[in-house]
Protein backbone atom coordinates (compact mmCIF):
# COMPACT_ATOMS: atom_id res chain seq x y z
CA UNK A 1 128.39 114.44 98.77
CA UNK A 2 125.97 114.28 96.32
CA UNK A 3 127.18 111.12 94.64
CA UNK A 4 127.39 109.35 98.15
CA UNK A 5 124.02 110.05 98.77
CA UNK A 6 122.58 108.99 95.17
CA UNK A 7 124.77 105.92 95.90
CA UNK A 8 123.27 105.01 99.19
CA UNK A 9 119.67 105.93 98.01
CA UNK A 10 120.15 103.69 94.96
CA UNK A 11 121.58 100.78 96.99
CA UNK A 12 118.43 100.99 99.19
CA UNK A 13 116.06 101.08 96.25
CA UNK A 14 118.04 98.04 94.74
CA UNK A 15 117.63 96.16 97.77
CA UNK A 16 113.89 96.70 98.03
CA UNK A 17 113.55 95.83 94.33
CA UNK A 18 115.52 92.65 94.88
CA UNK A 19 113.61 91.46 98.18
CA UNK A 20 110.26 91.84 95.88
CA UNK A 21 111.82 89.98 92.97
CA UNK A 22 112.85 87.05 95.37
CA UNK A 23 109.40 87.04 97.01
CA UNK A 24 107.67 86.80 93.71
CA UNK A 25 110.13 83.76 92.69
CA UNK A 26 109.38 82.06 96.00
CA UNK A 27 105.31 82.48 95.44
CA UNK A 28 105.65 81.46 92.03
CA UNK A 29 107.76 78.15 92.97
CA UNK A 30 105.05 77.48 95.66
CA UNK A 31 102.19 78.06 93.21
CA UNK A 32 103.85 75.61 90.57
CA UNK A 33 104.39 72.98 93.32
CA UNK A 34 100.85 73.27 94.38
CA UNK A 35 99.41 73.02 90.94
CA UNK A 36 101.78 70.04 90.46
CA UNK A 37 100.39 68.28 93.59
CA UNK A 38 96.66 69.13 92.88
CA UNK A 39 97.20 67.51 89.25
């Protein structure tokens, strides 16, 4: 049971981290595009 609980919680944390990374990547790409357009 402990292993299953740990696995589920780890999966949730991993999803949250992956979402945060994906958002940061999208934001960085948007910033780069805006900078290129500005120049």
